[in-house]
Amino acid sequence: MFIDFLIGLFAANALPHYLFSRFDSRILGLFGYSSRANLAYSIFCMIVSLSLFQWKYGLSTIAEHGILLGVLVVVFSFYVGWGVIDRFLTDHSPRPSDSAE
């Protein structure tokens, strides 16, 4: 049961550290405060989570563990889809100083 807790903990912890890295927030992770450190910690958390899952259950059984599968889908969707997400977060409207008078 403790291994299951660690699997979920590391999987869920990957997402906030990934977002901290993308928003350039200075939050302490295992590797330091920088964006790169938080990105590395996010990837590290996913590796640890998947490694523990592989060790206890085997990756072939992941479809039977719906809660973990849901967390992994959300985390990987941010990893892969950040370019699309970033387009919606970036303000492309002209600023008043940019307009011609």
PDB file of N, CA and C in Angstrom:
ATOM      1  N   MET A   1       0.806  -1.189   0.000  1.00  0.00           N
ATOM      2  CA  MET A   1       0.000   0.000   0.000  1.00  0.00           C
ATOM      3  C   MET A   1       0.858   1.265   0.000  1.00  0.00           C
ATOM      4  N   PHE A   2       1.980   1.236   0.705  1.00  0.00           N
ATOM      5  CA  PHE A   2       2.860   2.400   0.723  1.00  0.00           C
ATOM      6  C   PHE A   2       3.451   2.667  -0.660  1.00  0.00           C
ATOM      7  N   ILE A   3       3.757   1.621  -1.412  1.00  0.00           N
ATOM      8  CA  ILE A   3       4.278   1.784  -2.776  1.00  0.00           C
ATOM      9  C   ILE A   3       3.219   2.442  -3.648  1.00  0.00           C
ATOM     10  N   ASP A   4       1.952   2.050  -3.475  1.00  0.00           N
ATOM     11  CA  ASP A   4       0.863   2.679  -4.232  1.00  0.00           C
ATOM     12  C   ASP A   4       0.774   4.165  -3.919  1.00  0.00           C
ATOM     13  N   PHE A   5       0.937   4.512  -2.649  1.00  0.00           N
ATOM     14  CA  PHE A   5       0.943   5.915  -2.243  1.00  0.00           C
ATOM     15  C   PHE A   5       2.071   6.672  -2.948  1.00  0.00           C
ATOM     16  N   LEU A   6       3.253   6.093  -2.975  1.00  0.00           N
ATOM     17  CA  LEU A   6       4.388   6.752  -3.626  1.00  0.00           C
ATOM     18  C   LEU A   6       4.182   6.882  -5.134  1.00  0.00           C
ATOM     19  N   ILE A   7       3.588   5.881  -5.749  1.00  0.00           N
ATOM     20  CA  ILE A   7       3.307   5.942  -7.188  1.00  0.00           C
ATOM     21  C   ILE A   7       2.400   7.135  -7.478  1.00  0.00           C
ATOM     22  N   GLY A   8       1.316   7.262  -6.717  1.00  0.00           N
ATOM     23  CA  GLY A   8       0.393   8.378  -6.905  1.00  0.00           C
ATOM     24  C   GLY A   8       1.005   9.714  -6.552  1.00  0.00           C
ATOM     25  N   LEU A   9       1.781   9.745  -5.478  1.00  0.00           N
ATOM     26  CA  LEU A   9       2.414  10.983  -5.044  1.00  0.00           C
ATOM     27  C   LEU A   9       3.347  11.539  -6.115  1.00  0.00           C
ATOM     28  N   PHE A  10       4.212  10.699  -6.625  1.00  0.00           N
ATOM     29  CA  PHE A  10       5.161  11.170  -7.634  1.00  0.00           C
ATOM     30  C   PHE A  10       4.463  11.526  -8.941  1.00  0.00           C
ATOM     31  N   ALA A  11       3.448  10.757  -9.335  1.00  0.00           N
ATOM     32  CA  ALA A  11       2.729  11.056 -10.580  1.00  0.00           C
ATOM     33  C   ALA A  11       2.004  12.390 -10.476  1.00  0.00           C
ATOM     34  N   ALA A  12       1.330  12.620  -9.366  1.00  0.00           N
ATOM     35  CA  ALA A  12       0.587  13.872  -9.193  1.00  0.00           C
ATOM     36  C   ALA A  12       1.524  15.061  -9.005  1.00  0.00           C
ATOM     37  N   ASN A  13       2.665  14.853  -8.393  1.00  0.00           N
ATOM     38  CA  ASN A  13       3.614  15.932  -8.140  1.00  0.00           C
ATOM     39  C   ASN A  13       4.310  16.396  -9.415  1.00  0.00           C
ATOM     40  N   ALA A  14       4.277  15.599 -10.451  1.00  0.00           N
ATOM     41  CA  ALA A  14       4.936  15.975 -11.704  1.00  0.00           C
ATOM     42  C   ALA A  14       4.252  17.174 -12.352  1.00  0.00           C
ATOM     43  N   LEU A  15       2.928  17.251 -12.285  1.00  0.00           N
ATOM     44  CA  LEU A  15       2.199  18.315 -12.976  1.00  0.00           C
ATOM     45  C   LEU A  15       2.481  19.705 -12.420  1.00  0.00           C
ATOM     46  N   PRO A  16       2.387  19.946 -11.106  1.00  0.00           N
ATOM     47  CA  PRO A  16       2.669  21.308 -10.647  1.00  0.00           C
ATOM     48  C   PRO A  16       4.099  21.744 -10.945  1.00  0.00           C
ATOM     49  N   HIS A  17       5.049  20.832 -10.833  1.00  0.00           N
ATOM     50  CA  HIS A  17       6.429  21.234 -11.113  1.00  0.00           C
ATOM     51  C   HIS A  17       6.632  21.513 -12.601  1.00  0.00           C
ATOM     52  N   TYR A  18       5.915  20.815 -13.454  1.00  0.00           N
ATOM     53  CA  TYR A  18       5.969  21.133 -14.882  1.00  0.00           C
ATOM     54  C   TYR A  18       5.397  22.530 -15.130  1.00  0.00           C
ATOM     55  N   LEU A  19       4.270  22.836 -14.500  1.00  0.00           N
ATOM     56  CA  LEU A  19       3.674  24.161 -14.670  1.00  0.00           C
ATOM     57  C   LEU A  19       4.548  25.254 -14.072  1.00  0.00           C
ATOM     58  N   PHE A  20       5.171  24.981 -12.927  1.00  0.00           N
ATOM     59  CA  PHE A  20       6.105  25.953 -12.359  1.00  0.00           C
ATOM     60  C   PHE A  20       7.232  26.242 -13.334  1.00  0.00           C
ATOM     61  N   SER A  21       7.708  25.220 -14.012  1.00  0.00           N
ATOM     62  CA  SER A  21       8.801  25.431 -14.962  1.00  0.00           C
ATOM     63  C   SER A  21       8.333  26.263 -16.148  1.00  0.00           C
ATOM     64  N   ARG A  22       7.130  26.034 -16.626  1.00  0.00           N
ATOM     65  CA  ARG A  22       6.627  26.768 -17.789  1.00  0.00           C
ATOM     66  C   ARG A  22       6.284  28.206 -17.459  1.00  0.00           C
ATOM     67  N   PHE A  23       5.818  28.464 -16.248  1.00  0.00           N
ATOM     68  CA  PHE A  23       5.478  29.827 -15.846  1.00  0.00           C
ATOM     69  C   PHE A  23       6.650  30.541 -15.190  1.00  0.00           C
ATOM     70  N   ASP A  24       7.807  29.917 -15.181  1.00  0.00           N
ATOM     71  CA  ASP A  24       9.036  30.474 -14.622  1.00  0.00           C
ATOM     72  C   ASP A  24       8.861  30.908 -13.162  1.00  0.00           C
ATOM     73  N   SER A  25       8.158  30.089 -12.399  1.00  0.00           N
ATOM     74  CA  SER A  25       7.973  30.341 -10.969  1.00  0.00           C
ATOM     75  C   SER A  25       9.152  29.772 -10.204  1.00  0.00           C
ATOM     76  N   ARG A  26       9.551  30.492  -9.189  1.00  0.00           N
ATOM     77  CA  ARG A  26      10.674  30.030  -8.388  1.00  0.00           C
ATOM     78  C   ARG A  26      10.152  29.237  -7.198  1.00  0.00           C
ATOM     79  N   ILE A  27      10.030  27.952  -7.397  1.00  0.00           N
ATOM     80  CA  ILE A  27       9.556  27.011  -6.378  1.00  0.00           C
ATOM     81  C   ILE A  27      10.654  25.968  -6.182  1.00  0.00           C
ATOM     82  N   LEU A  28      10.908  25.613  -4.961  1.00  0.00           N
ATOM     83  CA  LEU A  28      11.980  24.658  -4.683  1.00  0.00           C
ATOM     84  C   LEU A  28      11.567  23.246  -5.071  1.00  0.00           C
ATOM     85  N   GLY A  29      12.379  22.644  -5.895  1.00  0.00           N
ATOM     86  CA  GLY A  29      12.231  21.235  -6.237  1.00  0.00           C
ATOM     87  C   GLY A  29      13.499  20.516  -5.813  1.00  0.00           C
ATOM     88  N   LEU A  30      13.592  19.277  -6.126  1.00  0.00           N
ATOM     89  CA  LEU A  30      14.750  18.478  -5.745  1.00  0.00           C
ATOM     90  C   LEU A  30      16.043  19.018  -6.343  1.00  0.00           C
ATOM     91  N   PHE A  31      15.951  19.622  -7.536  1.00  0.00           N
ATOM     92  CA  PHE A  31      17.144  20.076  -8.240  1.00  0.00           C
ATOM     93  C   PHE A  31      17.364  21.579  -8.175  1.00  0.00           C
ATOM     94  N   GLY A  32      16.595  22.307  -7.373  1.00  0.00           N
ATOM     95  CA  GLY A  32      16.795  23.746  -7.221  1.00  0.00           C
ATOM     96  C   GLY A  32      15.544  24.544  -7.527  1.00  0.00           C
ATOM     97  N   TYR A  33      15.753  25.865  -7.762  1.00  0.00           N
ATOM     98  CA  TYR A  33      14.649  26.805  -7.924  1.00  0.00           C
ATOM     99  C   TYR A  33      14.326  27.162  -9.368  1.00  0.00           C
ATOM    100  N   SER A  34      15.196  26.919 -10.288  1.00  0.00           N
ATOM    101  CA  SER A  34      15.036  27.434 -11.650  1.00  0.00           C
ATOM    102  C   SER A  34      13.964  26.684 -12.434  1.00  0.00           C
ATOM    103  N   SER A  35      13.626  27.236 -13.596  1.00  0.00           N
ATOM    104  CA  SER A  35      12.669  26.578 -14.478  1.00  0.00           C
ATOM    105  C   SER A  35      13.183  25.220 -14.935  1.00  0.00           C
ATOM    106  N   ARG A  36      14.441  25.178 -15.287  1.00  0.00           N
ATOM    107  CA  ARG A  36      15.034  23.907 -15.730  1.00  0.00           C
ATOM    108  C   ARG A  36      15.044  22.877 -14.609  1.00  0.00           C
ATOM    109  N   ALA A  37      15.285  23.344 -13.390  1.00  0.00           N
ATOM    110  CA  ALA A  37      15.292  22.428 -12.247  1.00  0.00           C
ATOM    111  C   ALA A  37      13.899  21.856 -12.012  1.00  0.00           C
ATOM    112  N   ASN A  38      12.872  22.688 -12.137  1.00  0.00           N
ATOM    113  CA  ASN A  38      11.502  22.190 -11.955  1.00  0.00           C
ATOM    114  C   ASN A  38      11.089  21.262 -13.089  1.00  0.00           C
ATOM    115  N   LEU A  39      11.520  21.555 -14.308  1.00  0.00           N
ATOM    116  CA  LEU A  39      11.236  20.656 -15.418  1.00  0.00           C
ATOM    117  C   LEU A  39      11.919  19.308 -15.199  1.00  0.00           C
ATOM    118  N   ALA A  40      13.169  19.349 -14.777  1.00  0.00           N
ATOM    119  CA  ALA A  40      13.893  18.103 -14.503  1.00  0.00           C
ATOM    120  C   ALA A  40      13.233  17.329 -13.365  1.00  0.00           C
ATOM    121  N   TYR A  41      12.763  18.033 -12.348  1.00  0.00           N
ATOM    122  CA  TYR A  41      12.108  17.360 -11.228  1.00  0.00           C
ATOM    123  C   TYR A  41      10.777  16.747 -11.667  1.00  0.00           C
ATOM    124  N   SER A  42      10.069  17.428 -12.541  1.00  0.00           N
ATOM    125  CA  SER A  42       8.818  16.887 -13.065  1.00  0.00           C
ATOM    126  C   SER A  42       9.064  15.584 -13.819  1.00  0.00           C
ATOM    127  N   ILE A  43      10.049  15.584 -14.676  1.00  0.00           N
ATOM    128  CA  ILE A  43      10.394  14.372 -15.429  1.00  0.00           C
ATOM    129  C   ILE A  43      10.881  13.275 -14.485  1.00  0.00           C
ATOM    130  N   PHE A  44      11.669  13.658 -13.499  1.00  0.00           N
ATOM    131  CA  PHE A  44      12.144  12.706 -12.494  1.00  0.00           C
ATOM    132  C   PHE A  44      10.975  12.061 -11.759  1.00  0.00           C
ATOM    133  N   CYS A  45       9.980  12.867 -11.375  1.00  0.00           N
ATOM    134  CA  CYS A  45       8.798  12.330 -10.682  1.00  0.00           C
ATOM    135  C   CYS A  45       8.057  11.313 -11.545  1.00  0.00           C
ATOM    136  N   MET A  46       7.927  11.618 -12.834  1.00  0.00           N
ATOM    137  CA  MET A  46       7.243  10.677 -13.722  1.00  0.00           C
ATOM    138  C   MET A  46       8.038   9.381 -13.871  1.00  0.00           C
ATOM    139  N   ILE A  47       9.333   9.494 -13.978  1.00  0.00           N
ATOM    140  CA  ILE A  47      10.179   8.296 -14.098  1.00  0.00           C
ATOM    141  C   ILE A  47      10.077   7.445 -12.838  1.00  0.00           C
ATOM    142  N   VAL A  48      10.131   8.085 -11.673  1.00  0.00           N
ATOM    143  CA  VAL A  48      10.025   7.340 -10.417  1.00  0.00           C
ATOM    144  C   VAL A  48       8.657   6.664 -10.312  1.00  0.00           C
ATOM    145  N   SER A  49       7.603   7.412 -10.628  1.00  0.00           N
ATOM    146  CA  SER A  49       6.257   6.855 -10.549  1.00  0.00           C
ATOM    147  C   SER A  49       6.091   5.647 -11.476  1.00  0.00           C
ATOM    148  N   LEU A  50       6.493   5.799 -12.718  1.00  0.00           N
ATOM    149  CA  LEU A  50       6.360   4.698 -13.670  1.00  0.00           C
ATOM    150  C   LEU A  50       7.281   3.526 -13.319  1.00  0.00           C
ATOM    151  N   SER A  51       8.455   3.824 -12.781  1.00  0.00           N
ATOM    152  CA  SER A  51       9.370   2.747 -12.371  1.00  0.00           C
ATOM    153  C   SER A  51       8.796   1.945 -11.210  1.00  0.00           C
ATOM    154  N   LEU A  52       8.239   2.641 -10.222  1.00  0.00           N
ATOM    155  CA  LEU A  52       7.624   1.939  -9.101  1.00  0.00           C
ATOM    156  C   LEU A  52       6.423   1.114  -9.560  1.00  0.00           C
ATOM    157  N   PHE A  53       5.645   1.679 -10.478  1.00  0.00           N
ATOM    158  CA  PHE A  53       4.498   0.941 -11.003  1.00  0.00           C
ATOM    159  C   PHE A  53       4.961  -0.303 -11.756  1.00  0.00           C
ATOM    160  N   GLN A  54       5.981  -0.149 -12.570  1.00  0.00           N
ATOM    161  CA  GLN A  54       6.535  -1.288 -13.320  1.00  0.00           C
ATOM    162  C   GLN A  54       7.031  -2.364 -12.358  1.00  0.00           C
ATOM    163  N   TRP A  55       7.693  -1.947 -11.308  1.00  0.00           N
ATOM    164  CA  TRP A  55       8.250  -2.887 -10.345  1.00  0.00           C
ATOM    165  C   TRP A  55       7.150  -3.667  -9.627  1.00  0.00           C
ATOM    166  N   LYS A  56       6.062  -2.958  -9.239  1.00  0.00           N
ATOM    167  CA  LYS A  56       5.015  -3.624  -8.464  1.00  0.00           C
ATOM    168  C   LYS A  56       3.993  -4.358  -9.331  1.00  0.00           C
ATOM    169  N   TYR A  57       3.578  -3.761 -10.435  1.00  0.00           N
ATOM    170  CA  TYR A  57       2.478  -4.325 -11.213  1.00  0.00           C
ATOM    171  C   TYR A  57       2.855  -4.747 -12.637  1.00  0.00           C
ATOM    172  N   GLY A  58       3.819  -4.065 -13.224  1.00  0.00           N
ATOM    173  CA  GLY A  58       4.139  -4.261 -14.633  1.00  0.00           C
ATOM    174  C   GLY A  58       3.331  -3.279 -15.471  1.00  0.00           C
ATOM    175  N   LEU A  59       3.974  -2.656 -16.423  1.00  0.00           N
ATOM    176  CA  LEU A  59       3.301  -1.629 -17.228  1.00  0.00           C
ATOM    177  C   LEU A  59       2.151  -2.191 -18.061  1.00  0.00           C
ATOM    178  N   SER A  60       2.153  -3.474 -18.320  1.00  0.00           N
ATOM    179  CA  SER A  60       1.075  -4.064 -19.123  1.00  0.00           C
ATOM    180  C   SER A  60      -0.265  -4.029 -18.399  1.00  0.00           C
ATOM    181  N   THR A  61      -0.277  -3.822 -17.093  1.00  0.00           N
ATOM    182  CA  THR A  61      -1.522  -3.800 -16.319  1.00  0.00           C
ATOM    183  C   THR A  61      -2.027  -2.384 -16.051  1.00  0.00           C
ATOM    184  N   ILE A  62      -1.437  -1.382 -16.686  1.00  0.00           N
ATOM    185  CA  ILE A  62      -1.794   0.000 -16.362  1.00  0.00           C
ATOM    186  C   ILE A  62      -3.259   0.320 -16.679  1.00  0.00           C
ATOM    187  N   ALA A  63      -3.847  -0.345 -17.662  1.00  0.00           N
ATOM    188  CA  ALA A  63      -5.255  -0.104 -18.011  1.00  0.00           C
ATOM    189  C   ALA A  63      -6.196  -0.520 -16.886  1.00  0.00           C
ATOM    190  N   GLU A  64      -5.755  -1.379 -16.007  1.00  0.00           N
ATOM    191  CA  GLU A  64      -6.566  -1.826 -14.873  1.00  0.00           C
ATOM    192  C   GLU A  64      -6.542  -0.851 -13.712  1.00  0.00           C
ATOM    193  N   HIS A  65      -5.690   0.146 -13.767  1.00  0.00           N
ATOM    194  CA  HIS A  65      -5.526   1.115 -12.684  1.00  0.00           C
ATOM    195  C   HIS A  65      -5.987   2.486 -13.187  1.00  0.00           C
ATOM    196  N   GLY A  66      -7.303   2.669 -13.192  1.00  0.00           N
ATOM    197  CA  GLY A  66      -7.907   3.845 -13.814  1.00  0.00           C
ATOM    198  C   GLY A  66      -7.498   5.174 -13.216  1.00  0.00           C
ATOM    199  N   ILE A  67      -7.338   5.240 -11.918  1.00  0.00           N
ATOM    200  CA  ILE A  67      -6.987   6.509 -11.286  1.00  0.00           C
ATOM    201  C   ILE A  67      -5.595   6.946 -11.729  1.00  0.00           C
ATOM    202  N   LEU A  68      -4.637   6.045 -11.666  1.00  0.00           N
ATOM    203  CA  LEU A  68      -3.283   6.384 -12.116  1.00  0.00           C
ATOM    204  C   LEU A  68      -3.272   6.695 -13.603  1.00  0.00           C
ATOM    205  N   LEU A  69      -4.005   5.949 -14.375  1.00  0.00           N
ATOM    206  CA  LEU A  69      -4.079   6.204 -15.811  1.00  0.00           C
ATOM    207  C   LEU A  69      -4.623   7.602 -16.079  1.00  0.00           C
ATOM    208  N   GLY A  70      -5.616   8.024 -15.327  1.00  0.00           N
ATOM    209  CA  GLY A  70      -6.156   9.378 -15.471  1.00  0.00           C
ATOM    210  C   GLY A  70      -5.127  10.450 -15.148  1.00  0.00           C
ATOM    211  N   VAL A  71      -4.384  10.257 -14.072  1.00  0.00           N
ATOM    212  CA  VAL A  71      -3.336  11.222 -13.703  1.00  0.00           C
ATOM    213  C   VAL A  71      -2.277  11.281 -14.799  1.00  0.00           C
ATOM    214  N   LEU A  72      -1.876  10.129 -15.307  1.00  0.00           N
ATOM    215  CA  LEU A  72      -0.847  10.097 -16.348  1.00  0.00           C
ATOM    216  C   LEU A  72      -1.323  10.766 -17.634  1.00  0.00           C
ATOM    217  N   VAL A  73      -2.589  10.574 -17.987  1.00  0.00           N
ATOM    218  CA  VAL A  73      -3.126  11.224 -19.186  1.00  0.00           C
ATOM    219  C   VAL A  73      -3.094  12.738 -19.033  1.00  0.00           C
ATOM    220  N   VAL A  74      -3.472  13.237 -17.875  1.00  0.00           N
ATOM    221  CA  VAL A  74      -3.451  14.689 -17.651  1.00  0.00           C
ATOM    222  C   VAL A  74      -2.021  15.218 -17.718  1.00  0.00           C
ATOM    223  N   VAL A  75      -1.099  14.563 -17.041  1.00  0.00           N
ATOM    224  CA  VAL A  75       0.293  15.030 -17.030  1.00  0.00           C
ATOM    225  C   VAL A  75       0.896  14.983 -18.431  1.00  0.00           C
ATOM    226  N   PHE A  76       0.723  13.880 -19.136  1.00  0.00           N
ATOM    227  CA  PHE A  76       1.288  13.769 -20.476  1.00  0.00           C
ATOM    228  C   PHE A  76       0.610  14.708 -21.463  1.00  0.00           C
ATOM    229  N   SER A  77      -0.668  15.026 -21.237  1.00  0.00           N
ATOM    230  CA  SER A  77      -1.321  15.987 -22.127  1.00  0.00           C
ATOM    231  C   SER A  77      -0.713  17.378 -21.966  1.00  0.00           C
ATOM    232  N   PHE A  78      -0.283  17.721 -20.766  1.00  0.00           N
ATOM    233  CA  PHE A  78       0.421  18.988 -20.585  1.00  0.00           C
ATOM    234  C   PHE A  78       1.811  18.923 -21.209  1.00  0.00           C
ATOM    235  N   TYR A  79       2.513  17.809 -21.032  1.00  0.00           N
ATOM    236  CA  TYR A  79       3.840  17.672 -21.638  1.00  0.00           C
ATOM    237  C   TYR A  79       3.770  17.835 -23.153  1.00  0.00           C
ATOM    238  N   VAL A  80       2.822  17.162 -23.767  1.00  0.00           N
ATOM    239  CA  VAL A  80       2.741  17.135 -25.229  1.00  0.00           C
ATOM    240  C   VAL A  80       2.010  18.357 -25.776  1.00  0.00           C
ATOM    241  N   GLY A  81       0.977  18.793 -25.094  1.00  0.00           N
ATOM    242  CA  GLY A  81       0.129  19.842 -25.635  1.00  0.00           C
ATOM    243  C   GLY A  81       0.429  21.244 -25.168  1.00  0.00           C
ATOM    244  N   TRP A  82       1.579  21.466 -24.549  1.00  0.00           N
ATOM    245  CA  TRP A  82       1.852  22.790 -24.007  1.00  0.00           C
ATOM    246  C   TRP A  82       1.871  23.870 -25.085  1.00  0.00           C
ATOM    247  N   GLY A  83       2.318  23.567 -26.273  1.00  0.00           N
ATOM    248  CA  GLY A  83       2.344  24.568 -27.347  1.00  0.00           C
ATOM    249  C   GLY A  83       0.957  25.109 -27.642  1.00  0.00           C
ATOM    250  N   VAL A  84      -0.027  24.248 -27.660  1.00  0.00           N
ATOM    251  CA  VAL A  84      -1.409  24.670 -27.899  1.00  0.00           C
ATOM    252  C   VAL A  84      -1.927  25.472 -26.706  1.00  0.00           C
ATOM    253  N   ILE A  85      -1.657  24.994 -25.512  1.00  0.00           N
ATOM    254  CA  ILE A  85      -2.105  25.683 -24.301  1.00  0.00           C
ATOM    255  C   ILE A  85      -1.483  27.077 -24.240  1.00  0.00           C
ATOM    256  N   ASP A  86      -0.206  27.174 -24.562  1.00  0.00           N
ATOM    257  CA  ASP A  86       0.503  28.448 -24.482  1.00  0.00           C
ATOM    258  C   ASP A  86      -0.075  29.480 -25.446  1.00  0.00           C
ATOM    259  N   ARG A  87      -0.565  29.036 -26.595  1.00  0.00           N
ATOM    260  CA  ARG A  87      -1.183  29.971 -27.535  1.00  0.00           C
ATOM    261  C   ARG A  87      -2.411  30.640 -26.939  1.00  0.00           C
ATOM    262  N   PHE A  88      -3.166  29.901 -26.139  1.00  0.00           N
ATOM    263  CA  PHE A  88      -4.352  30.473 -25.514  1.00  0.00           C
ATOM    264  C   PHE A  88      -4.003  31.355 -24.318  1.00  0.00           C
ATOM    265  N   LEU A  89      -2.857  31.127 -23.694  1.00  0.00           N
ATOM    266  CA  LEU A  89      -2.453  31.929 -22.544  1.00  0.00           C
ATOM    267  C   LEU A  89      -1.749  33.213 -22.942  1.00  0.00           C
ATOM    268  N   THR A  90      -1.201  33.253 -24.137  1.00  0.00           N
ATOM    269  CA  THR A  90      -0.463  34.416 -24.593  1.00  0.00           C
ATOM    270  C   THR A  90      -1.440  35.443 -25.158  1.00  0.00           C
ATOM    271  N   ASP A  91      -1.305  36.665 -24.702  1.00  0.00           N
ATOM    272  CA  ASP A  91      -2.177  37.744 -25.156  1.00  0.00           C
ATOM    273  C   ASP A  91      -1.626  38.294 -26.465  1.00  0.00           C
ATOM    274  N   HIS A  92      -2.399  38.143 -27.539  1.00  0.00           N
ATOM    275  CA  HIS A  92      -1.979  38.614 -28.852  1.00  0.00           C
ATOM    276  C   HIS A  92      -2.686  39.903 -29.257  1.00  0.00           C
ATOM    277  N   SER A  93      -3.461  40.481 -28.361  1.00  0.00           N
ATOM    278  CA  SER A  93      -4.166  41.707 -28.710  1.00  0.00           C
ATOM    279  C   SER A  93      -3.194  42.884 -28.712  1.00  0.00           C
ATOM    280  N   PRO A  94      -3.413  43.854 -29.596  1.00  0.00           N
ATOM    281  CA  PRO A  94      -2.502  45.003 -29.647  1.00  0.00           C
ATOM    282  C   PRO A  94      -2.631  45.860 -28.391  1.00  0.00           C
ATOM    283  N   ARG A  95      -1.543  46.361 -27.942  1.00  0.00           N
ATOM    284  CA  ARG A  95      -1.525  47.253 -26.786  1.00  0.00           C
ATOM    285  C   ARG A  95      -1.803  48.684 -27.268  1.00  0.00           C
ATOM    286  N   PRO A  96      -2.319  49.532 -26.386  1.00  0.00           N
ATOM    287  CA  PRO A  96      -2.610  50.917 -26.809  1.00  0.00           C
ATOM    288  C   PRO A  96      -1.394  51.641 -27.346  1.00  0.00           C
ATOM    289  N   SER A  97      -0.216  51.366 -26.838  1.00  0.00           N
ATOM    290  CA  SER A  97       1.002  52.036 -27.310  1.00  0.00           C
ATOM    291  C   SER A  97       1.421  51.526 -28.683  1.00  0.00           C
ATOM    292  N   ASP A  98       0.927  50.345 -29.084  1.00  0.00           N
ATOM    293  CA  ASP A  98       1.281  49.765 -30.378  1.00  0.00           C
ATOM    294  C   ASP A  98       0.442  50.327 -31.515  1.00  0.00           C
ATOM    295  N   SER A  99      -0.701  50.910 -31.213  1.00  0.00           N
ATOM    296  CA  SER A  99      -1.578  51.391 -32.268  1.00  0.00           C
ATOM    297  C   SER A  99      -1.095  52.735 -32.802  1.00  0.00           C
ATOM    298  N   ALA A 100      -1.353  52.948 -34.082  1.00  0.00           N
ATOM    299  CA  ALA A 100      -0.951  54.206 -34.715  1.00  0.00           C
ATOM    300  C   ALA A 100      -1.940  55.300 -34.351  1.00  0.00           C
ATOM    301  N   GLU A 101      -1.433  56.491 -34.150  1.00  0.00           N
ATOM    302  CA  GLU A 101      -2.299  57.620 -33.784  1.00  0.00           C
ATOM    303  C   GLU A 101      -2.525  58.514 -34.949  1.00  0.00           C
TER     304      GLU A 101
END
